[in-house]
Protein backbone atom coordinates (compact mmCIF):
# COMPACT_ATOMS: atom_id res chain seq x y z
CA UNK A 1 0.00 0.00 -0.12
CA UNK A 2 1.47 3.27 -1.20
CA UNK A 3 1.68 6.07 1.47
CA UNK A 4 2.32 9.77 0.50
CA UNK A 5 3.54 12.19 2.94
CA UNK A 6 4.17 15.96 2.53
CA UNK A 7 7.01 17.61 4.31
CA UNK A 8 6.91 21.48 4.83
CA UNK A 9 10.18 23.08 6.22
CA UNK A 10 12.13 26.11 5.06
CA UNK A 11 15.48 24.76 5.87
CA UNK A 12 16.36 22.39 2.79
CA UNK A 13 19.16 20.58 4.80
CA UNK A 14 16.69 19.58 7.30
CA UNK A 15 14.01 18.77 4.81
CA UNK A 16 16.29 16.55 2.71
CA UNK A 17 17.13 14.77 6.04
CA UNK A 18 13.44 13.95 6.62
CA UNK A 19 13.00 13.07 3.10
CA UNK A 20 15.66 10.59 3.10
CA UNK A 21 14.40 9.16 6.37
CA UNK A 22 10.94 8.49 4.84
CA UNK A 23 12.10 7.28 1.44
CA UNK A 24 14.22 4.64 3.39
CA UNK A 25 10.89 3.29 4.38
CA UNK A 26 9.57 3.41 0.83
CA UNK A 27 7.06 6.33 1.31
CA UNK A 28 6.37 8.71 -1.32
CA UNK A 29 7.71 12.30 -0.50
CA UNK A 30 6.07 15.60 -1.54
CA UNK A 31 8.23 18.75 -0.36
CA UNK A 32 7.16 22.26 0.28
CA UNK A 33 9.73 25.21 1.32
CA UNK A 34 7.20 27.61 2.72
CA UNK A 35 3.78 27.72 4.34
CA UNK A 36 1.86 28.80 0.94
CA UNK A 37 3.63 25.86 -0.99
CA UNK A 38 2.59 23.54 1.69
CA UNK A 39 -1.23 24.59 1.51
CA UNK A 40 -1.11 24.52 -2.43
CA UNK A 41 0.44 21.00 -2.28
CA UNK A 42 -2.34 19.76 -0.05
CA UNK A 43 -4.79 21.32 -2.47
CA UNK A 44 -3.17 19.87 -5.51
CA UNK A 45 -2.53 16.31 -4.24
CA UNK A 46 -5.57 14.34 -3.14
CA UNK A 47 -3.42 11.48 -2.34
CA UNK A 48 -1.43 12.85 0.57
CA UNK A 49 -1.93 10.48 3.63
CA UNK A 50 -0.05 12.53 6.17
CA UNK A 51 1.66 16.13 6.64
CA UNK A 52 4.59 17.02 8.54
CA UNK A 53 4.50 20.85 9.24
CA UNK A 54 7.55 23.08 10.56
CA UNK A 55 6.04 25.76 12.80
CA UNK A 56 8.32 28.54 11.66
CA UNK A 57 7.97 29.15 8.07
CA UNK A 58 7.90 32.08 5.71
CA UNK A 59 4.59 33.46 4.01
CA UNK A 60 2.44 31.20 6.22
CA UNK A 61 3.33 29.60 9.50
CA UNK A 62 2.75 26.02 10.27
CA UNK A 63 -0.19 27.09 12.69
CA UNK A 64 -1.85 29.16 9.86
CA UNK A 65 -1.32 26.04 7.36
CA UNK A 66 -2.76 23.61 10.00
CA UNK A 67 -5.97 26.10 10.54
CA UNK A 68 -6.66 25.93 6.67
CA UNK A 69 -6.12 22.17 6.36
CA UNK A 70 -8.48 21.51 9.52
CA UNK A 71 -11.29 23.49 7.64
CA UNK A 72 -10.97 20.88 4.95
CA UNK A 73 -9.70 17.57 6.33
CA UNK A 74 -8.96 15.57 9.33
CA UNK A 75 -5.74 14.17 7.67
CA UNK A 76 -2.98 13.49 10.19
CA UNK A 77 -0.74 16.41 10.82
CA UNK A 78 2.75 16.32 12.79
CA UNK A 79 4.16 19.53 13.80
CA UNK A 80 8.05 20.03 14.09
CA UNK A 81 9.49 23.04 15.84
CA UNK A 82 12.94 24.09 17.45
CA UNK A 83 11.10 25.44 20.35
CA UNK A 84 11.19 23.05 23.33
CA UNK A 85 8.27 25.03 24.98
CA UNK A 86 5.45 22.92 26.50
CA UNK A 87 3.05 25.98 25.69
CA UNK A 88 3.82 25.30 21.77
CA UNK A 89 3.16 21.74 22.08
CA UNK A 90 -0.12 22.40 23.98
CA UNK A 91 -0.97 24.98 21.25
CA UNK A 92 -0.16 22.32 18.52
CA UNK A 93 -2.55 19.70 19.98
CA UNK A 94 -5.27 22.08 20.64
CA UNK A 95 -5.09 23.53 17.04
CA UNK A 96 -5.91 19.93 15.81
CA UNK A 97 -2.24 18.48 15.30
CA UNK A 98 -1.98 14.94 15.63
CA UNK A 99 1.46 14.88 17.13
CA UNK A 100 4.23 17.36 18.12
CA UNK A 101 7.83 16.63 17.41
CA UNK A 102 10.73 18.86 18.91
CA UNK A 103 13.93 19.18 16.93
CA UNK A 104 16.44 17.83 17.16
CA UNK A 105 15.12 14.39 17.33
CA UNK A 106 16.54 10.62 16.66
CA UNK A 107 15.77 8.77 13.71
CA UNK A 108 14.27 5.71 15.65
CA UNK A 109 11.97 7.96 17.77
CA UNK A 110 10.84 9.99 14.84
CA UNK A 111 10.13 7.03 12.43
CA UNK A 112 8.29 5.20 15.37
CA UNK A 113 5.90 8.17 15.89
CA UNK A 114 5.40 8.50 12.32
CA UNK A 115 4.59 4.77 11.88
CA UNK A 116 2.13 5.03 14.81
CA UNK A 117 -0.09 7.53 12.82
CA UNK A 118 0.46 5.61 9.52
CA UNK A 119 -0.95 2.37 11.14
CA UNK A 120 -4.17 4.18 11.65
CA UNK A 121 -4.34 5.44 8.08
CA UNK A 122 -3.59 2.04 6.82
CA UNK A 123 -6.50 0.40 8.68
CA UNK A 124 -8.62 3.13 7.52
CA UNK A 125 -7.47 2.71 4.03
CA UNK A 126 -8.25 -1.14 4.01
CA UNK A 127 -11.50 -0.55 5.65
CA UNK A 128 -12.69 1.64 2.82
CA UNK A 129 -14.15 0.18 -0.37
CA UNK A 130 -14.44 2.26 -3.54
CA UNK A 131 -16.40 1.89 -6.74
CA UNK A 132 -16.25 5.32 -8.77
CA UNK A 133 -17.69 7.95 -6.67
CA UNK A 134 -19.30 5.31 -4.16
CA UNK A 135 -17.54 4.81 -1.11
CA UNK A 136 -18.30 2.32 1.92
CA UNK A 137 -16.30 2.70 5.09
CA UNK A 138 -16.63 -0.66 6.82
CA UNK A 139 -15.28 0.75 10.14
CA UNK A 140 -17.96 3.48 10.67
CA UNK A 141 -20.68 1.72 8.40
CA UNK A 142 -21.29 4.63 6.35
CA UNK A 143 -21.63 5.04 2.61
CA UNK A 144 -21.00 8.24 0.77
CA UNK A 145 -21.86 9.16 -3.02
CA UNK A 146 -19.84 12.04 -4.28
CA UNK A 147 -18.85 12.79 -0.72
CA UNK A 148 -22.39 13.00 0.55
CA UNK A 149 -23.46 10.43 3.05
CA UNK A 150 -26.27 8.15 2.08
CA UNK A 151 -28.13 6.49 4.68
CA UNK A 152 -29.10 2.76 4.12
CA UNK A 153 -30.82 0.21 6.49
CA UNK A 154 -29.08 -2.72 7.57
CA UNK A 155 -30.15 -5.07 4.70
CA UNK A 156 -29.25 -2.34 2.09
CA UNK A 157 -25.91 -1.81 3.72
CA UNK A 158 -25.01 -5.62 3.72
CA UNK A 159 -25.99 -6.09 0.11
CA UNK A 160 -23.91 -2.97 -0.95
CA UNK A 161 -20.90 -4.32 1.24
CA UNK A 162 -21.09 -7.86 -0.47
CA UNK A 163 -21.42 -6.21 -3.77
CA UNK A 164 -18.34 -4.15 -3.19
CA UNK A 165 -16.25 -7.06 -1.97
CA UNK A 166 -17.21 -8.70 -5.17
CA UNK A 167 -16.94 -5.76 -7.74
CA UNK A 168 -17.09 -6.93 -11.08
CA UNK A 169 -18.36 -10.45 -10.48
CA UNK A 170 -21.96 -11.76 -11.28
CA UNK A 171 -23.77 -12.70 -7.98
CA UNK A 172 -26.69 -15.03 -8.32
CA UNK A 173 -29.98 -14.41 -6.35
CA UNK A 174 -29.33 -17.26 -4.16
CA UNK A 175 -25.91 -15.92 -3.22
CA UNK A 176 -27.08 -12.64 -2.35
CA UNK A 177 -29.87 -13.98 -0.37
CA UNK A 178 -27.77 -16.33 1.51
CA UNK A 179 -25.25 -13.86 2.28
CA UNK A 180 -27.84 -11.18 3.53
CA UNK A 181 -31.03 -13.22 4.86
CA UNK A 182 -29.25 -16.56 5.63
CA UNK A 183 -29.57 -20.01 4.37
CA UNK A 184 -32.94 -20.46 6.37
CA UNK A 185 -34.57 -17.57 4.55
CA UNK A 186 -38.18 -18.71 3.67
CA UNK A 187 -39.12 -15.76 1.57
CA UNK A 188 -38.74 -15.45 -2.31
CA UNK A 189 -36.45 -13.35 -4.66
CA UNK A 190 -39.06 -10.61 -4.82
CA UNK A 191 -37.68 -9.52 -1.46
CA UNK A 192 -34.26 -9.30 -2.77
CA UNK A 193 -35.33 -7.42 -5.77
CA UNK A 194 -37.28 -4.92 -3.69
CA UNK A 195 -34.24 -4.24 -1.56
CA UNK A 196 -32.16 -3.69 -4.60
CA UNK A 197 -34.67 -1.39 -6.11
CA UNK A 198 -34.53 0.85 -2.96
CA UNK A 199 -30.71 0.51 -2.60
CA UNK A 200 -30.31 1.92 -6.14
CA UNK A 201 -32.68 4.67 -5.59
CA UNK A 202 -30.77 5.70 -2.46
CA UNK A 203 -27.60 5.51 -4.26
CA UNK A 204 -28.74 7.96 -6.91
CA UNK A 205 -26.37 8.38 -9.83
CA UNK A 206 -24.23 5.57 -8.44
CA UNK A 207 -27.35 3.19 -8.37
CA UNK A 208 -26.72 2.48 -12.06
CA UNK A 209 -23.50 0.64 -11.03
CA UNK A 210 -25.77 -2.42 -9.85
CA UNK A 211 -26.56 -3.90 -13.06
CA UNK A 212 -29.22 -6.72 -13.48
CA UNK A 213 -27.85 -9.69 -15.07
CA UNK A 214 -31.14 -11.20 -16.72
CA UNK A 215 -31.92 -14.58 -15.55
CA UNK A 216 -28.93 -14.97 -13.24
CA UNK A 217 -28.54 -12.00 -10.57
CA UNK A 218 -26.70 -8.70 -10.20
CA UNK A 219 -23.23 -7.26 -10.77
CA UNK A 220 -21.68 -4.21 -9.37
CA UNK A 221 -19.52 -2.35 -11.99
CA UNK A 222 -18.20 0.98 -12.15
CA UNK A 223 -19.57 2.84 -15.33
CA UNK A 224 -18.80 6.11 -16.92
CA UNK A 225 -21.42 8.94 -16.88
CA UNK A 226 -22.46 8.40 -20.36
CA UNK A 227 -22.88 4.54 -20.03
C-alpha cells in the first residue's frame, strides 16, 4: 500500500534529512519550502496521507497552514519545531495537530511516531471500499456518494458491502439471499429485488452501478457517466 507524505520546512538541509528518512521506508514524499507552497501542495494532491509541518515558515506559519487544512480535512498532521516549550506543544495539539515533535530528534523515535500515525491510516484505507464516486467505510458503517452521506437500512448496507467486496463479479440471487438473509430464509427473490430497487434509488447516480444480469442475478460495476 502506497503512503504519500508532505514535508513542509524552509530549511532545505533538514527537509532533505526527513525526506531521506521517509524514502528509506519506501514512502512517497512531496516537499514544500514555505507555508504557501505547503497549502498549495495539499490542495493539488488528493492522495496525501500525512503532513509534516514546521512551525516557523515564511509566508504562512505552520499554525496557519494547519488551521486551513483543518477546515477541509482531518488528515493526520505532525508539527515540527525547534521550540522546546510546553506551551507550543499544547497550542499544536489544541489546534488539531495529531503529534508534536521537537527538533532535534533521533531517527528511531521520529519513525516510531510517524509509523504509529500511519498504522491508523492503513487500517482506515483497508476498511474503505471504492467504486467510482461510491465509498463504503466498513469501520464506521457509512456510505458516501460524491462525498455526500447516504443512509441505508441494515439489509441495504449488507447488500452493498457484499457487492463491493465482489465488484465486477456476477452474483446470483441465491448467493445474495444467503449472504444477507441466511440459508434458512423462507421468502422469495422478490424481497431481494425490492431491496435492490430501494438501494439503487438511495445511491442516486451511483445506483446504475448495480446491473441486472437477466436470468442470473446482479453485478456491481463502475460505469462512466454516459454509459
